[in-house]
Amino acid sequence: MQEDPTNGPARDSSLIRPYTRTGGRTTARHDLRLETLLSTDEDRLYLATNDQAAMMRLCLQPRSVAEISALMKIPLGVTRVLLSDLITLNLVAVHEPSATPNITLLERVLSGLRKL
């Protein structure tokens, strides 16, 4: 007996296995720390695939790697690989943290980690 696809479970991106999102890759091309900020602008969104655009929309305001991981509800390693791809494609800009810690940023990172 065949299942009716209309009655089956909805396809949700959160149900996709992490290794399929990265094509089996486990190592990012760029060294991305938890506190590294990334940003983009709306003009670059049209260059991205649907999955990439979803991640890029979060970067319309500067966000840390930890925040993006928490908001996308995907593991940190997968987030780093996917963000690394966006950096390589020049779809997001990387903003390295200064030598002096920014308390506001650290609080945002902590909040993002708590959401994991």
PDB file of N, CA and C in Angstrom:
ATOM      1  N   MET A   1       0.831  -1.178   0.000  1.00  0.00           N
ATOM      2  CA  MET A   1       0.000   0.000   0.000  1.00  0.00           C
ATOM      3  C   MET A   1       0.876   1.242   0.000  1.00  0.00           C
ATOM      4  N   GLN A   2       0.622   2.158  -0.914  1.00  0.00           N
ATOM      5  CA  GLN A   2       1.411   3.380  -1.008  1.00  0.00           C
ATOM      6  C   GLN A   2       0.827   4.463  -0.121  1.00  0.00           C
ATOM      7  N   GLU A   3       1.745   5.251   0.455  1.00  0.00           N
ATOM      8  CA  GLU A   3       1.290   6.365   1.275  1.00  0.00           C
ATOM      9  C   GLU A   3       0.901   7.524   0.384  1.00  0.00           C
ATOM     10  N   ASP A   4      -0.116   8.209   0.769  1.00  0.00           N
ATOM     11  CA  ASP A   4      -0.538   9.407   0.061  1.00  0.00           C
ATOM     12  C   ASP A   4       0.411  10.535   0.456  1.00  0.00           C
ATOM     13  N   PRO A   5       1.146  11.144  -0.497  1.00  0.00           N
ATOM     14  CA  PRO A   5       2.114  12.178  -0.151  1.00  0.00           C
ATOM     15  C   PRO A   5       1.475  13.391   0.508  1.00  0.00           C
ATOM     16  N   THR A   6       0.201  13.623   0.266  1.00  0.00           N
ATOM     17  CA  THR A   6      -0.446  14.778   0.894  1.00  0.00           C
ATOM     18  C   THR A   6      -0.695  14.553   2.377  1.00  0.00           C
ATOM     19  N   ASN A   7      -0.729  13.278   2.795  1.00  0.00           N
ATOM     20  CA  ASN A   7      -0.954  12.975   4.209  1.00  0.00           C
ATOM     21  C   ASN A   7       0.344  12.736   4.967  1.00  0.00           C
ATOM     22  N   GLY A   8       1.463  12.654   4.244  1.00  0.00           N
ATOM     23  CA  GLY A   8       2.748  12.383   4.878  1.00  0.00           C
ATOM     24  C   GLY A   8       3.269  13.610   5.606  1.00  0.00           C
ATOM     25  N   PRO A   9       4.395  13.429   6.317  1.00  0.00           N
ATOM     26  CA  PRO A   9       4.966  14.554   7.051  1.00  0.00           C
ATOM     27  C   PRO A   9       5.457  15.630   6.091  1.00  0.00           C
ATOM     28  N   ALA A  10       5.337  16.863   6.495  1.00  0.00           N
ATOM     29  CA  ALA A  10       5.807  17.981   5.665  1.00  0.00           C
ATOM     30  C   ALA A  10       7.318  17.956   5.601  1.00  0.00           C
ATOM     31  N   ARG A  11       7.850  18.337   4.465  1.00  0.00           N
ATOM     32  CA  ARG A  11       9.307  18.433   4.308  1.00  0.00           C
ATOM     33  C   ARG A  11       9.754  19.719   4.979  1.00  0.00           C
ATOM     34  N   ASP A  12      10.542  19.571   6.013  1.00  0.00           N
ATOM     35  CA  ASP A  12      11.017  20.710   6.767  1.00  0.00           C
ATOM     36  C   ASP A  12      12.530  20.711   6.663  1.00  0.00           C
ATOM     37  N   SER A  13      13.122  21.908   6.461  1.00  0.00           N
ATOM     38  CA  SER A  13      14.573  21.974   6.329  1.00  0.00           C
ATOM     39  C   SER A  13      15.274  21.508   7.597  1.00  0.00           C
ATOM     40  N   SER A  14      14.607  21.572   8.752  1.00  0.00           N
ATOM     41  CA  SER A  14      15.233  21.102   9.981  1.00  0.00           C
ATOM     42  C   SER A  14      15.350  19.587  10.004  1.00  0.00           C
ATOM     43  N   LEU A  15      14.619  18.898   9.128  1.00  0.00           N
ATOM     44  CA  LEU A  15      14.692  17.439   9.069  1.00  0.00           C
ATOM     45  C   LEU A  15      15.827  16.949   8.172  1.00  0.00           C
ATOM     46  N   ILE A  16      16.471  17.857   7.464  1.00  0.00           N
ATOM     47  CA  ILE A  16      17.570  17.486   6.579  1.00  0.00           C
ATOM     48  C   ILE A  16      18.801  17.191   7.430  1.00  0.00           C
ATOM     49  N   ARG A  17      19.428  16.056   7.180  1.00  0.00           N
ATOM     50  CA  ARG A  17      20.619  15.670   7.921  1.00  0.00           C
ATOM     51  C   ARG A  17      21.734  16.683   7.667  1.00  0.00           C
ATOM     52  N   PRO A  18      22.499  17.031   8.708  1.00  0.00           N
ATOM     53  CA  PRO A  18      23.556  18.035   8.541  1.00  0.00           C
ATOM     54  C   PRO A  18      24.561  17.710   7.439  1.00  0.00           C
ATOM     55  N   TYR A  19      24.952  16.452   7.309  1.00  0.00           N
ATOM     56  CA  TYR A  19      25.965  16.125   6.305  1.00  0.00           C
ATOM     57  C   TYR A  19      25.448  16.325   4.883  1.00  0.00           C
ATOM     58  N   THR A  20      24.148  16.276   4.683  1.00  0.00           N
ATOM     59  CA  THR A  20      23.628  16.520   3.336  1.00  0.00           C
ATOM     60  C   THR A  20      23.676  18.010   3.003  1.00  0.00           C
ATOM     61  N   ARG A  21      23.539  18.861   4.009  1.00  0.00           N
ATOM     62  CA  ARG A  21      23.622  20.307   3.773  1.00  0.00           C
ATOM     63  C   ARG A  21      25.029  20.714   3.348  1.00  0.00           C
ATOM     64  N   THR A  22      26.029  20.005   3.835  1.00  0.00           N
ATOM     65  CA  THR A  22      27.411  20.369   3.532  1.00  0.00           C
ATOM     66  C   THR A  22      28.018  19.498   2.438  1.00  0.00           C
ATOM     67  N   GLY A  23      27.236  18.597   1.883  1.00  0.00           N
ATOM     68  CA  GLY A  23      27.776  17.690   0.877  1.00  0.00           C
ATOM     69  C   GLY A  23      28.793  16.737   1.464  1.00  0.00           C
ATOM     70  N   GLY A  24      28.658  16.427   2.750  1.00  0.00           N
ATOM     71  CA  GLY A  24      29.578  15.504   3.405  1.00  0.00           C
ATOM     72  C   GLY A  24      30.833  16.173   3.950  1.00  0.00           C
ATOM     73  N   ARG A  25      31.001  17.459   3.702  1.00  0.00           N
ATOM     74  CA  ARG A  25      32.200  18.167   4.185  1.00  0.00           C
ATOM     75  C   ARG A  25      32.059  18.480   5.666  1.00  0.00           C
ATOM     76  N   THR A  26      33.177  18.355   6.386  1.00  0.00           N
ATOM     77  CA  THR A  26      33.165  18.627   7.815  1.00  0.00           C
ATOM     78  C   THR A  26      34.124  19.750   8.197  1.00  0.00           C
ATOM     79  N   THR A  27      34.911  20.217   7.253  1.00  0.00           N
ATOM     80  CA  THR A  27      35.903  21.248   7.533  1.00  0.00           C
ATOM     81  C   THR A  27      35.596  22.504   6.726  1.00  0.00           C
ATOM     82  N   ALA A  28      35.591  23.629   7.406  1.00  0.00           N
ATOM     83  CA  ALA A  28      35.362  24.913   6.743  1.00  0.00           C
ATOM     84  C   ALA A  28      36.669  25.412   6.115  1.00  0.00           C
ATOM     85  N   ARG A  29      36.556  26.128   5.028  1.00  0.00           N
ATOM     86  CA  ARG A  29      37.736  26.693   4.352  1.00  0.00           C
ATOM     87  C   ARG A  29      38.287  27.902   5.099  1.00  0.00           C
ATOM     88  N   HIS A  30      37.444  28.543   5.875  1.00  0.00           N
ATOM     89  CA  HIS A  30      37.837  29.738   6.623  1.00  0.00           C
ATOM     90  C   HIS A  30      37.751  29.453   8.112  1.00  0.00           C
ATOM     91  N   ASP A  31      38.660  30.083   8.863  1.00  0.00           N
ATOM     92  CA  ASP A  31      38.659  29.920  10.312  1.00  0.00           C
ATOM     93  C   ASP A  31      37.629  30.878  10.895  1.00  0.00           C
ATOM     94  N   LEU A  32      36.500  30.337  11.317  1.00  0.00           N
ATOM     95  CA  LEU A  32      35.416  31.151  11.853  1.00  0.00           C
ATOM     96  C   LEU A  32      35.246  30.854  13.335  1.00  0.00           C
ATOM     97  N   ARG A  33      35.535  31.855  14.150  1.00  0.00           N
ATOM     98  CA  ARG A  33      35.339  31.714  15.588  1.00  0.00           C
ATOM     99  C   ARG A  33      33.888  32.005  15.935  1.00  0.00           C
ATOM    100  N   LEU A  34      33.470  31.620  17.113  1.00  0.00           N
ATOM    101  CA  LEU A  34      32.083  31.841  17.544  1.00  0.00           C
ATOM    102  C   LEU A  34      31.689  33.309  17.475  1.00  0.00           C
ATOM    103  N   GLU A  35      32.620  34.192  17.794  1.00  0.00           N
ATOM    104  CA  GLU A  35      32.310  35.607  17.881  1.00  0.00           C
ATOM    105  C   GLU A  35      32.513  36.371  16.572  1.00  0.00           C
ATOM    106  N   THR A  36      33.006  35.690  15.535  1.00  0.00           N
ATOM    107  CA  THR A  36      33.210  36.357  14.253  1.00  0.00           C
ATOM    108  C   THR A  36      31.876  36.853  13.710  1.00  0.00           C
ATOM    109  N   LEU A  37      31.850  38.116  13.306  1.00  0.00           N
ATOM    110  CA  LEU A  37      30.632  38.716  12.765  1.00  0.00           C
ATOM    111  C   LEU A  37      30.625  38.618  11.252  1.00  0.00           C
ATOM    112  N   LEU A  38      29.431  38.382  10.708  1.00  0.00           N
ATOM    113  CA  LEU A  38      29.248  38.344   9.262  1.00  0.00           C
ATOM    114  C   LEU A  38      28.087  39.249   8.901  1.00  0.00           C
ATOM    115  N   SER A  39      28.169  39.851   7.720  1.00  0.00           N
ATOM    116  CA  SER A  39      27.075  40.704   7.261  1.00  0.00           C
ATOM    117  C   SER A  39      26.963  40.602   5.749  1.00  0.00           C
ATOM    118  N   THR A  40      25.838  41.055   5.237  1.00  0.00           N
ATOM    119  CA  THR A  40      25.607  41.105   3.795  1.00  0.00           C
ATOM    120  C   THR A  40      24.609  42.216   3.519  1.00  0.00           C
ATOM    121  N   ASP A  41      24.299  42.416   2.257  1.00  0.00           N
ATOM    122  CA  ASP A  41      23.275  43.394   1.912  1.00  0.00           C
ATOM    123  C   ASP A  41      22.262  42.728   0.987  1.00  0.00           C
ATOM    124  N   GLU A  42      21.119  43.346   0.859  1.00  0.00           N
ATOM    125  CA  GLU A  42      20.025  42.754   0.081  1.00  0.00           C
ATOM    126  C   GLU A  42      20.381  42.535  -1.378  1.00  0.00           C
ATOM    127  N   ASP A  43      21.287  43.326  -1.910  1.00  0.00           N
ATOM    128  CA  ASP A  43      21.673  43.198  -3.321  1.00  0.00           C
ATOM    129  C   ASP A  43      22.313  41.845  -3.623  1.00  0.00           C
ATOM    130  N   ARG A  44      22.907  41.228  -2.633  1.00  0.00           N
ATOM    131  CA  ARG A  44      23.581  39.938  -2.850  1.00  0.00           C
ATOM    132  C   ARG A  44      22.635  38.746  -2.725  1.00  0.00           C
ATOM    133  N   LEU A  45      21.463  38.950  -2.162  1.00  0.00           N
ATOM    134  CA  LEU A  45      20.537  37.838  -1.941  1.00  0.00           C
ATOM    135  C   LEU A  45      20.134  37.146  -3.238  1.00  0.00           C
ATOM    136  N   TYR A  46      19.999  37.890  -4.306  1.00  0.00           N
ATOM    137  CA  TYR A  46      19.554  37.280  -5.565  1.00  0.00           C
ATOM    138  C   TYR A  46      20.604  36.349  -6.168  1.00  0.00           C
ATOM    139  N   LEU A  47      21.825  36.411  -5.683  1.00  0.00           N
ATOM    140  CA  LEU A  47      22.898  35.541  -6.184  1.00  0.00           C
ATOM    141  C   LEU A  47      22.939  34.189  -5.484  1.00  0.00           C
ATOM    142  N   ALA A  48      22.140  34.043  -4.440  1.00  0.00           N
ATOM    143  CA  ALA A  48      22.213  32.855  -3.584  1.00  0.00           C
ATOM    144  C   ALA A  48      21.104  31.860  -3.887  1.00  0.00           C
ATOM    145  N   THR A  49      21.362  30.608  -3.496  1.00  0.00           N
ATOM    146  CA  THR A  49      20.316  29.586  -3.548  1.00  0.00           C
ATOM    147  C   THR A  49      19.350  29.836  -2.395  1.00  0.00           C
ATOM    148  N   ASN A  50      18.239  29.115  -2.370  1.00  0.00           N
ATOM    149  CA  ASN A  50      17.263  29.302  -1.290  1.00  0.00           C
ATOM    150  C   ASN A  50      17.865  29.052   0.086  1.00  0.00           C
ATOM    151  N   ASP A  51      18.629  27.963   0.229  1.00  0.00           N
ATOM    152  CA  ASP A  51      19.248  27.665   1.522  1.00  0.00           C
ATOM    153  C   ASP A  51      20.247  28.752   1.917  1.00  0.00           C
ATOM    154  N   GLN A  52      21.043  29.197   0.954  1.00  0.00           N
ATOM    155  CA  GLN A  52      22.015  30.248   1.237  1.00  0.00           C
ATOM    156  C   GLN A  52      21.316  31.554   1.590  1.00  0.00           C
ATOM    157  N   ALA A  53      20.256  31.872   0.876  1.00  0.00           N
ATOM    158  CA  ALA A  53      19.540  33.129   1.114  1.00  0.00           C
ATOM    159  C   ALA A  53      18.939  33.160   2.517  1.00  0.00           C
ATOM    160  N   ALA A  54      18.472  32.024   2.999  1.00  0.00           N
ATOM    161  CA  ALA A  54      17.913  31.973   4.353  1.00  0.00           C
ATOM    162  C   ALA A  54      18.975  32.353   5.381  1.00  0.00           C
ATOM    163  N   MET A  55      20.179  31.850   5.204  1.00  0.00           N
ATOM    164  CA  MET A  55      21.272  32.170   6.116  1.00  0.00           C
ATOM    165  C   MET A  55      21.710  33.625   5.923  1.00  0.00           C
ATOM    166  N   MET A  56      21.717  34.072   4.688  1.00  0.00           N
ATOM    167  CA  MET A  56      22.139  35.434   4.404  1.00  0.00           C
ATOM    168  C   MET A  56      21.160  36.465   4.965  1.00  0.00           C
ATOM    169  N   ARG A  57      19.885  36.147   4.978  1.00  0.00           N
ATOM    170  CA  ARG A  57      18.897  37.088   5.543  1.00  0.00           C
ATOM    171  C   ARG A  57      19.205  37.406   7.003  1.00  0.00           C
ATOM    172  N   LEU A  58      19.738  36.422   7.720  1.00  0.00           N
ATOM    173  CA  LEU A  58      20.140  36.664   9.102  1.00  0.00           C
ATOM    174  C   LEU A  58      21.306  37.650   9.169  1.00  0.00           C
ATOM    175  N   CYS A  59      22.095  37.700   8.107  1.00  0.00           N
ATOM    176  CA  CYS A  59      23.289  38.551   8.077  1.00  0.00           C
ATOM    177  C   CYS A  59      22.995  39.957   7.541  1.00  0.00           C
ATOM    178  N   LEU A  60      21.727  40.267   7.302  1.00  0.00           N
ATOM    179  CA  LEU A  60      21.401  41.625   6.866  1.00  0.00           C
ATOM    180  C   LEU A  60      21.758  42.631   7.962  1.00  0.00           C
ATOM    181  N   GLN A  61      21.795  42.165   9.191  1.00  0.00           N
ATOM    182  CA  GLN A  61      22.406  42.930  10.278  1.00  0.00           C
ATOM    183  C   GLN A  61      23.557  42.060  10.774  1.00  0.00           C
ATOM    184  N   PRO A  62      24.672  42.654  11.159  1.00  0.00           N
ATOM    185  CA  PRO A  62      25.827  41.834  11.567  1.00  0.00           C
ATOM    186  C   PRO A  62      25.450  40.836  12.662  1.00  0.00           C
ATOM    187  N   ARG A  63      25.846  39.590  12.431  1.00  0.00           N
ATOM    188  CA  ARG A  63      25.556  38.510  13.392  1.00  0.00           C
ATOM    189  C   ARG A  63      26.803  37.656  13.577  1.00  0.00           C
ATOM    190  N   SER A  64      26.904  37.080  14.756  1.00  0.00           N
ATOM    191  CA  SER A  64      28.027  36.192  15.039  1.00  0.00           C
ATOM    192  C   SER A  64      27.728  34.797  14.501  1.00  0.00           C
ATOM    193  N   VAL A  65      28.773  34.024  14.341  1.00  0.00           N
ATOM    194  CA  VAL A  65      28.640  32.637  13.901  1.00  0.00           C
ATOM    195  C   VAL A  65      27.743  31.872  14.874  1.00  0.00           C
ATOM    196  N   ALA A  66      27.924  32.108  16.168  1.00  0.00           N
ATOM    197  CA  ALA A  66      27.109  31.420  17.182  1.00  0.00           C
ATOM    198  C   ALA A  66      25.634  31.780  17.047  1.00  0.00           C
ATOM    199  N   GLU A  67      25.341  33.053  16.806  1.00  0.00           N
ATOM    200  CA  GLU A  67      23.945  33.479  16.644  1.00  0.00           C
ATOM    201  C   GLU A  67      23.304  32.827  15.425  1.00  0.00           C
ATOM    202  N   ILE A  68      24.028  32.804  14.333  1.00  0.00           N
ATOM    203  CA  ILE A  68      23.502  32.224  13.093  1.00  0.00           C
ATOM    204  C   ILE A  68      23.199  30.749  13.303  1.00  0.00           C
ATOM    205  N   SER A  69      24.113  30.052  13.963  1.00  0.00           N
ATOM    206  CA  SER A  69      23.911  28.635  14.237  1.00  0.00           C
ATOM    207  C   SER A  69      22.650  28.416  15.071  1.00  0.00           C
ATOM    208  N   ALA A  70      22.490  29.233  16.100  1.00  0.00           N
ATOM    209  CA  ALA A  70      21.325  29.085  16.985  1.00  0.00           C
ATOM    210  C   ALA A  70      20.030  29.413  16.253  1.00  0.00           C
ATOM    211  N   LEU A  71      20.018  30.493  15.492  1.00  0.00           N
ATOM    212  CA  LEU A  71      18.800  30.912  14.797  1.00  0.00           C
ATOM    213  C   LEU A  71      18.419  29.955  13.666  1.00  0.00           C
ATOM    214  N   MET A  72      19.410  29.361  13.015  1.00  0.00           N
ATOM    215  CA  MET A  72      19.141  28.405  11.939  1.00  0.00           C
ATOM    216  C   MET A  72      18.833  27.015  12.493  1.00  0.00           C
ATOM    217  N   LYS A  73      19.128  26.812  13.787  1.00  0.00           N
ATOM    218  CA  LYS A  73      18.920  25.522  14.448  1.00  0.00           C
ATOM    219  C   LYS A  73      19.686  24.397  13.754  1.00  0.00           C
ATOM    220  N   ILE A  74      20.935  24.702  13.421  1.00  0.00           N
ATOM    221  CA  ILE A  74      21.820  23.691  12.842  1.00  0.00           C
ATOM    222  C   ILE A  74      23.119  23.667  13.642  1.00  0.00           C
ATOM    223  N   PRO A  75      23.805  22.527  13.662  1.00  0.00           N
ATOM    224  CA  PRO A  75      25.039  22.413  14.447  1.00  0.00           C
ATOM    225  C   PRO A  75      26.094  23.443  14.030  1.00  0.00           C
ATOM    226  N   LEU A  76      26.934  23.824  14.971  1.00  0.00           N
ATOM    227  CA  LEU A  76      27.955  24.829  14.751  1.00  0.00           C
ATOM    228  C   LEU A  76      28.910  24.448  13.621  1.00  0.00           C
ATOM    229  N   GLY A  77      29.329  23.194  13.565  1.00  0.00           N
ATOM    230  CA  GLY A  77      30.242  22.759  12.508  1.00  0.00           C
ATOM    231  C   GLY A  77      29.632  22.917  11.129  1.00  0.00           C
ATOM    232  N   VAL A  78      28.369  22.583  10.997  1.00  0.00           N
ATOM    233  CA  VAL A  78      27.653  22.729   9.725  1.00  0.00           C
ATOM    234  C   VAL A  78      27.539  24.210   9.384  1.00  0.00           C
ATOM    235  N   THR A  79      27.232  25.024  10.370  1.00  0.00           N
ATOM    236  CA  THR A  79      27.124  26.467  10.154  1.00  0.00           C
ATOM    237  C   THR A  79      28.434  27.023   9.629  1.00  0.00           C
ATOM    238  N   ARG A  80      29.538  26.605  10.220  1.00  0.00           N
ATOM    239  CA  ARG A  80      30.850  27.095   9.776  1.00  0.00           C
ATOM    240  C   ARG A  80      31.133  26.708   8.323  1.00  0.00           C
ATOM    241  N   VAL A  81      30.812  25.489   7.943  1.00  0.00           N
ATOM    242  CA  VAL A  81      31.043  25.054   6.567  1.00  0.00           C
ATOM    243  C   VAL A  81      30.185  25.877   5.603  1.00  0.00           C
ATOM    244  N   LEU A  82      28.907  26.053   5.931  1.00  0.00           N
ATOM    245  CA  LEU A  82      27.998  26.793   5.046  1.00  0.00           C
ATOM    246  C   LEU A  82      28.380  28.271   4.967  1.00  0.00           C
ATOM    247  N   LEU A  83      28.759  28.859   6.088  1.00  0.00           N
ATOM    248  CA  LEU A  83      29.197  30.258   6.069  1.00  0.00           C
ATOM    249  C   LEU A  83      30.496  30.410   5.294  1.00  0.00           C
ATOM    250  N   SER A  84      31.374  29.446   5.418  1.00  0.00           N
ATOM    251  CA  SER A  84      32.625  29.460   4.669  1.00  0.00           C
ATOM    252  C   SER A  84      32.354  29.468   3.165  1.00  0.00           C
ATOM    253  N   ASP A  85      31.354  28.699   2.744  1.00  0.00           N
ATOM    254  CA  ASP A  85      30.966  28.702   1.327  1.00  0.00           C
ATOM    255  C   ASP A  85      30.493  30.092   0.901  1.00  0.00           C
ATOM    256  N   LEU A  86      29.705  30.745   1.755  1.00  0.00           N
ATOM    257  CA  LEU A  86      29.203  32.084   1.436  1.00  0.00           C
ATOM    258  C   LEU A  86      30.343  33.096   1.357  1.00  0.00           C
ATOM    259  N   ILE A  87      31.342  32.940   2.210  1.00  0.00           N
ATOM    260  CA  ILE A  87      32.511  33.825   2.172  1.00  0.00           C
ATOM    261  C   ILE A  87      33.273  33.618   0.872  1.00  0.00           C
ATOM    262  N   THR A  88      33.485  32.355   0.513  1.00  0.00           N
ATOM    263  CA  THR A  88      34.202  32.035  -0.719  1.00  0.00           C
ATOM    264  C   THR A  88      33.488  32.610  -1.943  1.00  0.00           C
ATOM    265  N   LEU A  89      32.162  32.581  -1.927  1.00  0.00           N
ATOM    266  CA  LEU A  89      31.368  33.124  -3.037  1.00  0.00           C
ATOM    267  C   LEU A  89      31.212  34.640  -2.953  1.00  0.00           C
ATOM    268  N   ASN A  90      31.824  35.253  -1.942  1.00  0.00           N
ATOM    269  CA  ASN A  90      31.757  36.696  -1.727  1.00  0.00           C
ATOM    270  C   ASN A  90      30.321  37.185  -1.522  1.00  0.00           C
ATOM    271  N   LEU A  91      29.515  36.359  -0.847  1.00  0.00           N
ATOM    272  CA  LEU A  91      28.128  36.717  -0.581  1.00  0.00           C
ATOM    273  C   LEU A  91      27.937  37.318   0.810  1.00  0.00           C
ATOM    274  N   VAL A  92      28.907  37.106   1.701  1.00  0.00           N
ATOM    275  CA  VAL A  92      28.880  37.728   3.023  1.00  0.00           C
ATOM    276  C   VAL A  92      30.252  38.317   3.310  1.00  0.00           C
ATOM    277  N   ALA A  93      30.268  39.351   4.130  1.00  0.00           N
ATOM    278  CA  ALA A  93      31.518  39.976   4.554  1.00  0.00           C
ATOM    279  C   ALA A  93      31.840  39.531   5.968  1.00  0.00           C
ATOM    280  N   VAL A  94      33.121  39.356   6.236  1.00  0.00           N
ATOM    281  CA  VAL A  94      33.590  38.925   7.550  1.00  0.00           C
ATOM    282  C   VAL A  94      34.144  40.134   8.289  1.00  0.00           C
ATOM    283  N   HIS A  95      33.752  40.264   9.536  1.00  0.00           N
ATOM    284  CA  HIS A  95      34.228  41.353  10.391  1.00  0.00           C
ATOM    285  C   HIS A  95      34.914  40.714  11.589  1.00  0.00           C
ATOM    286  N   GLU A  96      36.233  40.715  11.573  1.00  0.00           N
ATOM    287  CA  GLU A  96      36.992  40.105  12.666  1.00  0.00           C
ATOM    288  C   GLU A  96      36.876  40.976  13.909  1.00  0.00           C
ATOM    289  N   PRO A  97      36.771  40.345  15.062  1.00  0.00           N
ATOM    290  CA  PRO A  97      36.655  41.112  16.304  1.00  0.00           C
ATOM    291  C   PRO A  97      37.952  41.853  16.627  1.00  0.00           C
ATOM    292  N   SER A  98      37.813  42.951  17.339  1.00  0.00           N
ATOM    293  CA  SER A  98      38.991  43.716  17.758  1.00  0.00           C
ATOM    294  C   SER A  98      39.669  43.003  18.923  1.00  0.00           C
ATOM    295  N   ALA A  99      40.831  43.506  19.297  1.00  0.00           N
ATOM    296  CA  ALA A  99      41.574  42.893  20.401  1.00  0.00           C
ATOM    297  C   ALA A  99      40.855  43.097  21.733  1.00  0.00           C
ATOM    298  N   THR A 100      40.085  44.183  21.843  1.00  0.00           N
ATOM    299  CA  THR A 100      39.335  44.444  23.072  1.00  0.00           C
ATOM    300  C   THR A 100      37.953  43.831  22.955  1.00  0.00           C
ATOM    301  N   PRO A 101      37.550  43.039  23.936  1.00  0.00           N
ATOM    302  CA  PRO A 101      36.236  42.407  23.844  1.00  0.00           C
ATOM    303  C   PRO A 101      35.101  43.426  23.916  1.00  0.00           C
ATOM    304  N   ASN A 102      34.087  43.200  23.112  1.00  0.00           N
ATOM    305  CA  ASN A 102      32.897  44.036  23.095  1.00  0.00           C
ATOM    306  C   ASN A 102      31.853  43.332  23.964  1.00  0.00           C
ATOM    307  N   ILE A 103      31.505  43.940  25.089  1.00  0.00           N
ATOM    308  CA  ILE A 103      30.597  43.315  26.053  1.00  0.00           C
ATOM    309  C   ILE A 103      29.233  43.039  25.426  1.00  0.00           C
ATOM    310  N   THR A 104      28.734  43.968  24.616  1.00  0.00           N
ATOM    311  CA  THR A 104      27.432  43.771  23.969  1.00  0.00           C
ATOM    312  C   THR A 104      27.467  42.545  23.067  1.00  0.00           C
ATOM    313  N   LEU A 105      28.540  42.413  22.288  1.00  0.00           N
ATOM    314  CA  LEU A 105      28.683  41.257  21.405  1.00  0.00           C
ATOM    315  C   LEU A 105      28.763  39.966  22.217  1.00  0.00           C
ATOM    316  N   LEU A 106      29.539  39.974  23.283  1.00  0.00           N
ATOM    317  CA  LEU A 106      29.664  38.769  24.101  1.00  0.00           C
ATOM    318  C   LEU A 106      28.323  38.364  24.696  1.00  0.00           C
ATOM    319  N   GLU A 107      27.518  39.337  25.083  1.00  0.00           N
ATOM    320  CA  GLU A 107      26.188  39.022  25.603  1.00  0.00           C
ATOM    321  C   GLU A 107      25.306  38.426  24.517  1.00  0.00           C
ATOM    322  N   ARG A 108      25.419  38.926  23.273  1.00  0.00           N
ATOM    323  CA  ARG A 108      24.641  38.374  22.156  1.00  0.00           C
ATOM    324  C   ARG A 108      25.080  36.947  21.850  1.00  0.00           C
ATOM    325  N   VAL A 109      26.393  36.705  21.892  1.00  0.00           N
ATOM    326  CA  VAL A 109      26.910  35.350  21.647  1.00  0.00           C
ATOM    327  C   VAL A 109      26.406  34.406  22.732  1.00  0.00           C
ATOM    328  N   LEU A 110      26.472  34.846  23.975  1.00  0.00           N
ATOM    329  CA  LEU A 110      25.984  34.019  25.082  1.00  0.00           C
ATOM    330  C   LEU A 110      24.513  33.713  24.925  1.00  0.00           C
ATOM    331  N   SER A 111      23.735  34.700  24.532  1.00  0.00           N
ATOM    332  CA  SER A 111      22.310  34.492  24.302  1.00  0.00           C
ATOM    333  C   SER A 111      22.091  33.461  23.187  1.00  0.00           C
ATOM    334  N   GLY A 112      22.866  33.572  22.098  1.00  0.00           N
ATOM    335  CA  GLY A 112      22.759  32.618  21.002  1.00  0.00           C
ATOM    336  C   GLY A 112      23.122  31.203  21.433  1.00  0.00           C
ATOM    337  N   LEU A 113      24.151  31.085  22.249  1.00  0.00           N
ATOM    338  CA  LEU A 113      24.560  29.758  22.736  1.00  0.00           C
ATOM    339  C   LEU A 113      23.504  29.149  23.651  1.00  0.00           C
ATOM    340  N   ARG A 114      22.868  29.982  24.438  1.00  0.00           N
ATOM    341  CA  ARG A 114      21.813  29.469  25.318  1.00  0.00           C
ATOM    342  C   ARG A 114      20.628  28.949  24.519  1.00  0.00           C
ATOM    343  N   LYS A 115      20.409  29.497  23.332  1.00  0.00           N
ATOM    344  CA  LYS A 115      19.297  29.059  22.487  1.00  0.00           C
ATOM    345  C   LYS A 115      19.579  27.708  21.838  1.00  0.00           C
ATOM    346  N   LEU A 116      20.863  27.320  21.795  1.00  0.00           N
ATOM    347  CA  LEU A 116      21.220  26.018  21.207  1.00  0.00           C
ATOM    348  C   LEU A 116      20.645  24.944  22.008  1.00  0.00           C
TER     349      LEU A 116
END
